[in-house]
Structure formats: structure tokens, C-alpha cells
């Protein structure tokens, strides 16, 4: 019985901590690739405006800013994810 309770607690904690699945990573890779292209095309009044625009895009895509931060941390360590971003950038910016 204790092992079942421990498993339930573990599942609840894991769900609360988030964690990006493969579909989330792909969606955020597309968002990142497009963002990299658009940020070069637009003119922003200051750095705060850049951050606000990025946050608005993340939220509009259905993610929290914390999800995006997690994605960026994963991106640094994951070559295939960086490749997805590169492809999204090239397709969108072409």
C-alpha cells in the first residue's frame, strides 16, 4: 500500500514540475526558428520590447515563459533539437 501511495505522490510531483514532451519541444523549436528570423526583421524601441514580444508569442502558442526557459536549457544540450530550430528558421525565413 505504501508503494502505491509513493507512486501517486511521485506522479503528482512530476506533473507539477512540468517537463516538456517531444511534441512540446517540436512546437517550441518551430517558435524559436521563426522568432530568430522575425527578431532580425523587426525594429524594437528597446530590449524590453523584444522580451515582451517573445513572451507574447510563447503565451500565444500555449506555453508558459517557464516552459520556454526549460526549452532553452534543453536546446543547449540537444543537437537534434538545435537542428529542428535551424530547419524551422530556414523554412520560415526563405
PDB file of N, CA and C in Angstrom:
ATOM      1  N   UNK A   1       0.810  -1.178   0.000  1.00  0.00           N
ATOM      2  CA  UNK A   1       0.000   0.000   0.000  1.00  0.00           C
ATOM      3  C   UNK A   1       0.865   1.259   0.000  1.00  0.00           C
ATOM      4  N   UNK A   2       1.958   1.221   0.770  1.00  0.00           N
ATOM      5  CA  UNK A   2       2.849   2.379   0.808  1.00  0.00           C
ATOM      6  C   UNK A   2       3.484   2.642  -0.546  1.00  0.00           C
ATOM      7  N   UNK A   3       3.804   1.585  -1.284  1.00  0.00           N
ATOM      8  CA  UNK A   3       4.419   1.781  -2.588  1.00  0.00           C
ATOM      9  C   UNK A   3       3.444   2.438  -3.559  1.00  0.00           C
ATOM     10  N   UNK A   4       2.159   2.118  -3.451  1.00  0.00           N
ATOM     11  CA  UNK A   4       1.149   2.754  -4.299  1.00  0.00           C
ATOM     12  C   UNK A   4       1.042   4.232  -3.941  1.00  0.00           C
ATOM     13  N   UNK A   5       1.013   4.532  -2.661  1.00  0.00           N
ATOM     14  CA  UNK A   5       0.948   5.926  -2.216  1.00  0.00           C
ATOM     15  C   UNK A   5       2.186   6.697  -2.670  1.00  0.00           C
ATOM     16  N   UNK A   6       3.334   6.068  -2.565  1.00  0.00           N
ATOM     17  CA  UNK A   6       4.573   6.717  -3.002  1.00  0.00           C
ATOM     18  C   UNK A   6       4.549   6.966  -4.504  1.00  0.00           C
ATOM     19  N   UNK A   7       4.025   6.019  -5.263  1.00  0.00           N
ATOM     20  CA  UNK A   7       3.937   6.189  -6.710  1.00  0.00           C
ATOM     21  C   UNK A   7       2.995   7.323  -7.076  1.00  0.00           C
ATOM     22  N   UNK A   8       1.892   7.438  -6.361  1.00  0.00           N
ATOM     23  CA  UNK A   8       0.943   8.524  -6.612  1.00  0.00           C
ATOM     24  C   UNK A   8       1.584   9.870  -6.287  1.00  0.00           C
ATOM     25  N   UNK A   9       2.263   9.950  -5.159  1.00  0.00           N
ATOM     26  CA  UNK A   9       2.939  11.195  -4.781  1.00  0.00           C
ATOM     27  C   UNK A   9       3.990  11.555  -5.826  1.00  0.00           C
ATOM     28  N   UNK A  10       4.761  10.582  -6.277  1.00  0.00           N
ATOM     29  CA  UNK A  10       5.775  10.824  -7.287  1.00  0.00           C
ATOM     30  C   UNK A  10       5.144  11.345  -8.572  1.00  0.00           C
ATOM     31  N   UNK A  11       4.038  10.754  -9.000  1.00  0.00           N
ATOM     32  CA  UNK A  11       3.355  11.185 -10.220  1.00  0.00           C
ATOM     33  C   UNK A  11       2.837  12.610 -10.089  1.00  0.00           C
ATOM     34  N   UNK A  12       2.309  12.951  -8.931  1.00  0.00           N
ATOM     35  CA  UNK A  12       1.804  14.306  -8.708  1.00  0.00           C
ATOM     36  C   UNK A  12       2.949  15.308  -8.732  1.00  0.00           C
ATOM     37  N   UNK A  13       4.036  14.984  -8.074  1.00  0.00           N
ATOM     38  CA  UNK A  13       5.196  15.874  -8.068  1.00  0.00           C
ATOM     39  C   UNK A  13       5.758  16.029  -9.470  1.00  0.00           C
ATOM     40  N   UNK A  14       5.857  14.954 -10.209  1.00  0.00           N
ATOM     41  CA  UNK A  14       6.361  15.011 -11.572  1.00  0.00           C
ATOM     42  C   UNK A  14       5.473  15.882 -12.446  1.00  0.00           C
ATOM     43  N   UNK A  15       4.175  15.744 -12.328  1.00  0.00           N
ATOM     44  CA  UNK A  15       3.241  16.563 -13.106  1.00  0.00           C
ATOM     45  C   UNK A  15       3.359  18.030 -12.731  1.00  0.00           C
ATOM     46  N   UNK A  16       3.541  18.310 -11.467  1.00  0.00           N
ATOM     47  CA  UNK A  16       3.653  19.696 -11.007  1.00  0.00           C
ATOM     48  C   UNK A  16       4.938  20.346 -11.488  1.00  0.00           C
ATOM     49  N   UNK A  17       5.972  19.554 -11.647  1.00  0.00           N
ATOM     50  CA  UNK A  17       7.257  20.081 -12.090  1.00  0.00           C
ATOM     51  C   UNK A  17       7.292  20.324 -13.591  1.00  0.00           C
ATOM     52  N   UNK A  18       6.288  19.895 -14.296  1.00  0.00           N
ATOM     53  CA  UNK A  18       6.254  20.125 -15.729  1.00  0.00           C
ATOM     54  C   UNK A  18       7.058  19.092 -16.470  1.00  0.00           C
ATOM     55  N   UNK A  19       7.780  19.532 -17.444  1.00  0.00           N
ATOM     56  CA  UNK A  19       8.551  18.642 -18.278  1.00  0.00           C
ATOM     57  C   UNK A  19       7.995  18.701 -19.680  1.00  0.00           C
ATOM     58  N   UNK A  20       8.847  19.013 -20.604  1.00  0.00           N
ATOM     59  CA  UNK A  20       8.419  19.154 -21.993  1.00  0.00           C
ATOM     60  C   UNK A  20       8.503  17.825 -22.710  1.00  0.00           C
ATOM     61  N   UNK A  21       7.416  17.435 -23.322  1.00  0.00           N
ATOM     62  CA  UNK A  21       7.398  16.231 -24.132  1.00  0.00           C
ATOM     63  C   UNK A  21       7.939  16.524 -25.525  1.00  0.00           C
ATOM     64  N   UNK A  22       8.025  15.492 -26.335  1.00  0.00           N
ATOM     65  CA  UNK A  22       8.568  15.636 -27.688  1.00  0.00           C
ATOM     66  C   UNK A  22       7.759  16.624 -28.520  1.00  0.00           C
ATOM     67  N   UNK A  23       6.433  16.568 -28.420  1.00  0.00           N
ATOM     68  CA  UNK A  23       5.587  17.486 -29.192  1.00  0.00           C
ATOM     69  C   UNK A  23       5.806  18.934 -28.747  1.00  0.00           C
ATOM     70  N   UNK A  24       5.985  19.131 -27.439  1.00  0.00           N
ATOM     71  CA  UNK A  24       6.258  20.473 -26.929  1.00  0.00           C
ATOM     72  C   UNK A  24       7.595  20.985 -27.449  1.00  0.00           C
ATOM     73  N   UNK A  25       8.580  20.126 -27.430  1.00  0.00           N
ATOM     74  CA  UNK A  25       9.903  20.524 -27.921  1.00  0.00           C
ATOM     75  C   UNK A  25       9.847  20.890 -29.397  1.00  0.00           C
ATOM     76  N   UNK A  26       9.107  20.124 -30.182  1.00  0.00           N
ATOM     77  CA  UNK A  26       8.980  20.431 -31.612  1.00  0.00           C
ATOM     78  C   UNK A  26       8.270  21.759 -31.827  1.00  0.00           C
ATOM     79  N   UNK A  27       7.190  21.979 -31.078  1.00  0.00           N
ATOM     80  CA  UNK A  27       6.445  23.233 -31.218  1.00  0.00           C
ATOM     81  C   UNK A  27       7.316  24.430 -30.826  1.00  0.00           C
ATOM     82  N   UNK A  28       8.048  24.286 -29.746  1.00  0.00           N
ATOM     83  CA  UNK A  28       8.911  25.377 -29.317  1.00  0.00           C
ATOM     84  C   UNK A  28      10.106  25.559 -30.249  1.00  0.00           C
ATOM     85  N   UNK A  29      10.570  24.497 -30.884  1.00  0.00           N
ATOM     86  CA  UNK A  29      11.637  24.621 -31.881  1.00  0.00           C
ATOM     87  C   UNK A  29      11.144  25.424 -33.080  1.00  0.00           C
ATOM     88  N   UNK A  30       9.902  25.177 -33.516  1.00  0.00           N
ATOM     89  CA  UNK A  30       9.325  25.968 -34.607  1.00  0.00           C
ATOM     90  C   UNK A  30       9.186  27.431 -34.184  1.00  0.00           C
ATOM     91  N   UNK A  31       8.696  27.642 -32.978  1.00  0.00           N
ATOM     92  CA  UNK A  31       8.549  29.000 -32.476  1.00  0.00           C
ATOM     93  C   UNK A  31       9.905  29.699 -32.435  1.00  0.00           C
ATOM     94  N   UNK A  32      10.915  29.012 -31.949  1.00  0.00           N
ATOM     95  CA  UNK A  32      12.260  29.584 -31.838  1.00  0.00           C
ATOM     96  C   UNK A  32      12.838  29.917 -33.208  1.00  0.00           C
ATOM     97  N   UNK A  33      12.692  29.009 -34.170  1.00  0.00           N
ATOM     98  CA  UNK A  33      13.205  29.256 -35.510  1.00  0.00           C
ATOM     99  C   UNK A  33      12.550  30.472 -36.145  1.00  0.00           C
ATOM    100  N   UNK A  34      11.246  30.581 -36.009  1.00  0.00           N
ATOM    101  CA  UNK A  34      10.526  31.737 -36.546  1.00  0.00           C
ATOM    102  C   UNK A  34      10.899  33.016 -35.810  1.00  0.00           C
ATOM    103  N   UNK A  35      11.049  32.900 -34.494  1.00  0.00           N
ATOM    104  CA  UNK A  35      11.434  34.059 -33.708  1.00  0.00           C
ATOM    105  C   UNK A  35      12.807  34.569 -34.131  1.00  0.00           C
ATOM    106  N   UNK A  36      13.747  33.676 -34.331  1.00  0.00           N
ATOM    107  CA  UNK A  36      15.101  34.075 -34.744  1.00  0.00           C
ATOM    108  C   UNK A  36      15.059  34.854 -36.056  1.00  0.00           C
ATOM    109  N   UNK A  37      14.171  34.465 -36.946  1.00  0.00           N
ATOM    110  CA  UNK A  37      14.015  35.163 -38.219  1.00  0.00           C
ATOM    111  C   UNK A  37      13.354  36.525 -38.004  1.00  0.00           C
ATOM    112  N   UNK A  38      12.229  36.536 -37.307  1.00  0.00           N
ATOM    113  CA  UNK A  38      11.476  37.777 -37.130  1.00  0.00           C
ATOM    114  C   UNK A  38      12.229  38.823 -36.324  1.00  0.00           C
ATOM    115  N   UNK A  39      12.980  38.410 -35.326  1.00  0.00           N
ATOM    116  CA  UNK A  39      13.674  39.388 -34.489  1.00  0.00           C
ATOM    117  C   UNK A  39      14.706  40.166 -35.314  1.00  0.00           C
ATOM    118  N   UNK A  40      15.169  39.580 -36.405  1.00  0.00           N
ATOM    119  CA  UNK A  40      16.093  40.281 -37.295  1.00  0.00           C
ATOM    120  C   UNK A  40      15.360  41.250 -38.221  1.00  0.00           C
ATOM    121  N   UNK A  41      14.085  40.981 -38.481  1.00  0.00           N
ATOM    122  CA  UNK A  41      13.303  41.793 -39.419  1.00  0.00           C
ATOM    123  C   UNK A  41      12.654  43.002 -38.764  1.00  0.00           C
ATOM    124  N   UNK A  42      12.331  42.901 -37.493  1.00  0.00           N
ATOM    125  CA  UNK A  42      11.568  43.940 -36.809  1.00  0.00           C
ATOM    126  C   UNK A  42      12.489  44.972 -36.179  1.00  0.00           C
ATOM    127  N   UNK A  43      11.914  46.125 -35.913  1.00  0.00           N
ATOM    128  CA  UNK A  43      12.609  47.179 -35.176  1.00  0.00           C
ATOM    129  C   UNK A  43      11.924  47.311 -33.824  1.00  0.00           C
ATOM    130  N   UNK A  44      12.703  47.266 -32.775  1.00  0.00           N
ATOM    131  CA  UNK A  44      12.189  47.374 -31.415  1.00  0.00           C
ATOM    132  C   UNK A  44      12.755  48.636 -30.771  1.00  0.00           C
ATOM    133  N   UNK A  45      11.941  49.262 -29.949  1.00  0.00           N
ATOM    134  CA  UNK A  45      12.383  50.501 -29.292  1.00  0.00           C
ATOM    135  C   UNK A  45      13.447  50.242 -28.235  1.00  0.00           C
ATOM    136  N   UNK A  46      13.331  49.094 -27.549  1.00  0.00           N
ATOM    137  CA  UNK A  46      14.315  48.762 -26.517  1.00  0.00           C
ATOM    138  C   UNK A  46      14.283  47.253 -26.257  1.00  0.00           C
ATOM    139  N   UNK A  47      15.182  46.809 -25.423  1.00  0.00           N
ATOM    140  CA  UNK A  47      15.288  45.379 -25.115  1.00  0.00           C
ATOM    141  C   UNK A  47      14.001  44.864 -24.479  1.00  0.00           C
ATOM    142  N   UNK A  48      13.364  45.675 -23.677  1.00  0.00           N
ATOM    143  CA  UNK A  48      12.116  45.273 -23.038  1.00  0.00           C
ATOM    144  C   UNK A  48      11.038  44.930 -24.060  1.00  0.00           C
ATOM    145  N   UNK A  49      11.005  45.664 -25.155  1.00  0.00           N
ATOM    146  CA  UNK A  49      10.024  45.390 -26.209  1.00  0.00           C
ATOM    147  C   UNK A  49      10.309  44.044 -26.882  1.00  0.00           C
ATOM    148  N   UNK A  50      11.568  43.712 -27.021  1.00  0.00           N
ATOM    149  CA  UNK A  50      11.944  42.407 -27.597  1.00  0.00           C
ATOM    150  C   UNK A  50      11.462  41.293 -26.676  1.00  0.00           C
ATOM    151  N   UNK A  51      11.733  41.438 -25.399  1.00  0.00           N
ATOM    152  CA  UNK A  51      11.321  40.428 -24.418  1.00  0.00           C
ATOM    153  C   UNK A  51       9.803  40.298 -24.361  1.00  0.00           C
ATOM    154  N   UNK A  52       9.103  41.413 -24.421  1.00  0.00           N
ATOM    155  CA  UNK A  52       7.637  41.387 -24.392  1.00  0.00           C
ATOM    156  C   UNK A  52       7.067  40.676 -25.604  1.00  0.00           C
ATOM    157  N   UNK A  53       7.625  40.934 -26.773  1.00  0.00           N
ATOM    158  CA  UNK A  53       7.155  40.279 -27.993  1.00  0.00           C
ATOM    159  C   UNK A  53       7.388  38.776 -27.923  1.00  0.00           C
ATOM    160  N   UNK A  54       8.551  38.372 -27.454  1.00  0.00           N
ATOM    161  CA  UNK A  54       8.841  36.949 -27.332  1.00  0.00           C
ATOM    162  C   UNK A  54       7.893  36.288 -26.335  1.00  0.00           C
ATOM    163  N   UNK A  55       7.694  36.904 -25.198  1.00  0.00           N
ATOM    164  CA  UNK A  55       6.775  36.346 -24.203  1.00  0.00           C
ATOM    165  C   UNK A  55       5.366  36.229 -24.760  1.00  0.00           C
ATOM    166  N   UNK A  56       4.924  37.223 -25.518  1.00  0.00           N
ATOM    167  CA  UNK A  56       3.587  37.180 -26.121  1.00  0.00           C
ATOM    168  C   UNK A  56       3.467  36.009 -27.086  1.00  0.00           C
ATOM    169  N   UNK A  57       4.498  35.752 -27.850  1.00  0.00           N
ATOM    170  CA  UNK A  57       4.483  34.619 -28.788  1.00  0.00           C
ATOM    171  C   UNK A  57       4.444  33.283 -28.057  1.00  0.00           C
ATOM    172  N   UNK A  58       5.218  33.189 -27.000  1.00  0.00           N
ATOM    173  CA  UNK A  58       5.247  31.949 -26.211  1.00  0.00           C
ATOM    174  C   UNK A  58       3.866  31.667 -25.630  1.00  0.00           C
ATOM    175  N   UNK A  59       3.261  32.674 -25.042  1.00  0.00           N
ATOM    176  CA  UNK A  59       1.934  32.519 -24.438  1.00  0.00           C
ATOM    177  C   UNK A  59       0.891  32.229 -25.510  1.00  0.00           C
ATOM    178  N   UNK A  60       0.961  32.917 -26.647  1.00  0.00           N
ATOM    179  CA  UNK A  60       0.007  32.676 -27.744  1.00  0.00           C
ATOM    180  C   UNK A  60       0.109  31.247 -28.270  1.00  0.00           C
ATOM    181  N   UNK A  61       1.280  30.663 -28.169  1.00  0.00           N
ATOM    182  CA  UNK A  61       1.485  29.272 -28.609  1.00  0.00           C
ATOM    183  C   UNK A  61       0.999  28.272 -27.560  1.00  0.00           C
ATOM    184  N   UNK A  62       0.550  28.784 -26.407  1.00  0.00           N
ATOM    185  CA  UNK A  62       0.014  27.910 -25.368  1.00  0.00           C
ATOM    186  C   UNK A  62       1.017  27.457 -24.324  1.00  0.00           C
ATOM    187  N   UNK A  63       2.120  28.164 -24.207  1.00  0.00           N
ATOM    188  CA  UNK A  63       3.163  27.785 -23.254  1.00  0.00           C
ATOM    189  C   UNK A  63       3.390  28.902 -22.247  1.00  0.00           C
ATOM    190  N   UNK A  64       3.942  28.525 -21.116  1.00  0.00           N
ATOM    191  CA  UNK A  64       4.346  29.495 -20.105  1.00  0.00           C
ATOM    192  C   UNK A  64       5.784  29.917 -20.391  1.00  0.00           C
ATOM    193  N   UNK A  65       6.144  31.080 -19.890  1.00  0.00           N
ATOM    194  CA  UNK A  65       7.514  31.559 -20.066  1.00  0.00           C
ATOM    195  C   UNK A  65       8.500  30.568 -19.434  1.00  0.00           C
ATOM    196  N   UNK A  66       8.105  29.921 -18.357  1.00  0.00           N
ATOM    197  CA  UNK A  66       8.957  28.907 -17.721  1.00  0.00           C
ATOM    198  C   UNK A  66       9.189  27.718 -18.649  1.00  0.00           C
ATOM    199  N   UNK A  67       8.182  27.364 -19.459  1.00  0.00           N
ATOM    200  CA  UNK A  67       8.351  26.286 -20.445  1.00  0.00           C
ATOM    201  C   UNK A  67       9.412  26.674 -21.467  1.00  0.00           C
ATOM    202  N   UNK A  68       9.354  27.919 -21.904  1.00  0.00           N
ATOM    203  CA  UNK A  68      10.330  28.398 -22.886  1.00  0.00           C
ATOM    204  C   UNK A  68      11.737  28.390 -22.290  1.00  0.00           C
ATOM    205  N   UNK A  69      11.846  28.795 -21.037  1.00  0.00           N
ATOM    206  CA  UNK A  69      13.150  28.772 -20.368  1.00  0.00           C
ATOM    207  C   UNK A  69      13.680  27.345 -20.278  1.00  0.00           C
ATOM    208  N   UNK A  70      12.793  26.399 -19.979  1.00  0.00           N
ATOM    209  CA  UNK A  70      13.197  24.997 -19.935  1.00  0.00           C
ATOM    210  C   UNK A  70      13.654  24.531 -21.311  1.00  0.00           C
ATOM    211  N   UNK A  71      12.908  24.924 -22.343  1.00  0.00           N
ATOM    212  CA  UNK A  71      13.269  24.585 -23.720  1.00  0.00           C
ATOM    213  C   UNK A  71      14.658  25.131 -24.055  1.00  0.00           C
ATOM    214  N   UNK A  72      14.929  26.381 -23.693  1.00  0.00           N
ATOM    215  CA  UNK A  72      16.238  26.975 -23.997  1.00  0.00           C
ATOM    216  C   UNK A  72      17.366  26.223 -23.291  1.00  0.00           C
ATOM    217  N   UNK A  73      17.118  25.755 -22.072  1.00  0.00           N
ATOM    218  CA  UNK A  73      18.131  24.981 -21.349  1.00  0.00           C
ATOM    219  C   UNK A  73      18.377  23.644 -22.037  1.00  0.00           C
ATOM    220  N   UNK A  74      17.309  23.012 -22.488  1.00  0.00           N
ATOM    221  CA  UNK A  74      17.425  21.738 -23.197  1.00  0.00           C
ATOM    222  C   UNK A  74      18.113  21.939 -24.539  1.00  0.00           C
ATOM    223  N   UNK A  75      17.804  23.044 -25.190  1.00  0.00           N
ATOM    224  CA  UNK A  75      18.355  23.346 -26.516  1.00  0.00           C
ATOM    225  C   UNK A  75      19.875  23.359 -26.498  1.00  0.00           C
ATOM    226  N   UNK A  76      20.435  23.901 -25.456  1.00  0.00           N
ATOM    227  CA  UNK A  76      21.891  23.987 -25.348  1.00  0.00           C
ATOM    228  C   UNK A  76      22.561  22.620 -25.316  1.00  0.00           C
ATOM    229  N   UNK A  77      21.811  21.603 -24.879  1.00  0.00           N
ATOM    230  CA  UNK A  77      22.384  20.266 -24.694  1.00  0.00           C
ATOM    231  C   UNK A  77      21.946  19.255 -25.756  1.00  0.00           C
ATOM    232  N   UNK A  78      21.116  19.667 -26.713  1.00  0.00           N
ATOM    233  CA  UNK A  78      20.475  18.706 -27.612  1.00  0.00           C
ATOM    234  C   UNK A  78      20.692  19.068 -29.075  1.00  0.00           C
ATOM    235  N   UNK A  79      21.678  18.469 -29.723  1.00  0.00           N
ATOM    236  CA  UNK A  79      21.968  18.797 -31.122  1.00  0.00           C
ATOM    237  C   UNK A  79      20.778  18.588 -32.071  1.00  0.00           C
ATOM    238  N   UNK A  80      20.000  17.526 -31.881  1.00  0.00           N
ATOM    239  CA  UNK A  80      18.885  17.303 -32.807  1.00  0.00           C
ATOM    240  C   UNK A  80      17.806  18.363 -32.640  1.00  0.00           C
ATOM    241  N   UNK A  81      17.654  18.905 -31.460  1.00  0.00           N
ATOM    242  CA  UNK A  81      16.694  19.978 -31.241  1.00  0.00           C
ATOM    243  C   UNK A  81      17.194  21.268 -31.900  1.00  0.00           C
ATOM    244  N   UNK A  82      18.484  21.522 -31.809  1.00  0.00           N
ATOM    245  CA  UNK A  82      19.061  22.683 -32.499  1.00  0.00           C
ATOM    246  C   UNK A  82      18.880  22.547 -34.002  1.00  0.00           C
ATOM    247  N   UNK A  83      18.965  21.330 -34.504  1.00  0.00           N
ATOM    248  CA  UNK A  83      18.735  21.092 -35.935  1.00  0.00           C
ATOM    249  C   UNK A  83      17.281  21.407 -36.305  1.00  0.00           C
ATOM    250  N   UNK A  84      16.347  21.073 -35.447  1.00  0.00           N
ATOM    251  CA  UNK A  84      14.940  21.399 -35.694  1.00  0.00           C
ATOM    252  C   UNK A  84      14.747  22.915 -35.755  1.00  0.00           C
ATOM    253  N   UNK A  85      15.403  23.633 -34.858  1.00  0.00           N
ATOM    254  CA  UNK A  85      15.313  25.094 -34.861  1.00  0.00           C
ATOM    255  C   UNK A  85      15.896  25.641 -36.159  1.00  0.00           C
ATOM    256  N   UNK A  86      17.043  25.115 -36.562  1.00  0.00           N
ATOM    257  CA  UNK A  86      17.686  25.576 -37.801  1.00  0.00           C
ATOM    258  C   UNK A  86      16.773  25.363 -38.998  1.00  0.00           C
ATOM    259  N   UNK A  87      16.157  24.189 -39.078  1.00  0.00           N
ATOM    260  CA  UNK A  87      15.248  23.890 -40.198  1.00  0.00           C
ATOM    261  C   UNK A  87      14.035  24.812 -40.189  1.00  0.00           C
ATOM    262  N   UNK A  88      13.471  25.040 -39.023  1.00  0.00           N
ATOM    263  CA  UNK A  88      12.322  25.939 -38.910  1.00  0.00           C
ATOM    264  C   UNK A  88      12.710  27.355 -39.338  1.00  0.00           C
ATOM    265  N   UNK A  89      13.883  27.783 -38.933  1.00  0.00           N
ATOM    266  CA  UNK A  89      14.395  29.100 -39.324  1.00  0.00           C
ATOM    267  C   UNK A  89      14.524  29.195 -40.838  1.00  0.00           C
ATOM    268  N   UNK A  90      15.171  28.209 -41.429  1.00  0.00           N
ATOM    269  CA  UNK A  90      15.408  28.253 -42.879  1.00  0.00           C
ATOM    270  C   UNK A  90      14.099  28.190 -43.667  1.00  0.00           C
ATOM    271  N   UNK A  91      13.158  27.357 -43.231  1.00  0.00           N
ATOM    272  CA  UNK A  91      11.885  27.251 -43.934  1.00  0.00           C
ATOM    273  C   UNK A  91      11.100  28.561 -43.822  1.00  0.00           C
ATOM    274  N   UNK A  92      11.106  29.159 -42.670  1.00  0.00           N
ATOM    275  CA  UNK A  92      10.317  30.367 -42.431  1.00  0.00           C
ATOM    276  C   UNK A  92      10.966  31.605 -43.059  1.00  0.00           C
ATOM    277  N   UNK A  93      12.269  31.661 -43.011  1.00  0.00           N
ATOM    278  CA  UNK A  93      12.995  32.848 -43.494  1.00  0.00           C
ATOM    279  C   UNK A  93      13.273  32.822 -44.994  1.00  0.00           C
ATOM    280  N   UNK A  94      13.024  31.722 -45.609  1.00  0.00           N
ATOM    281  CA  UNK A  94      13.351  31.598 -47.043  1.00  0.00           C
ATOM    282  C   UNK A  94      12.533  32.530 -47.905  1.00  0.00           C
TER     283      UNK A  94
END
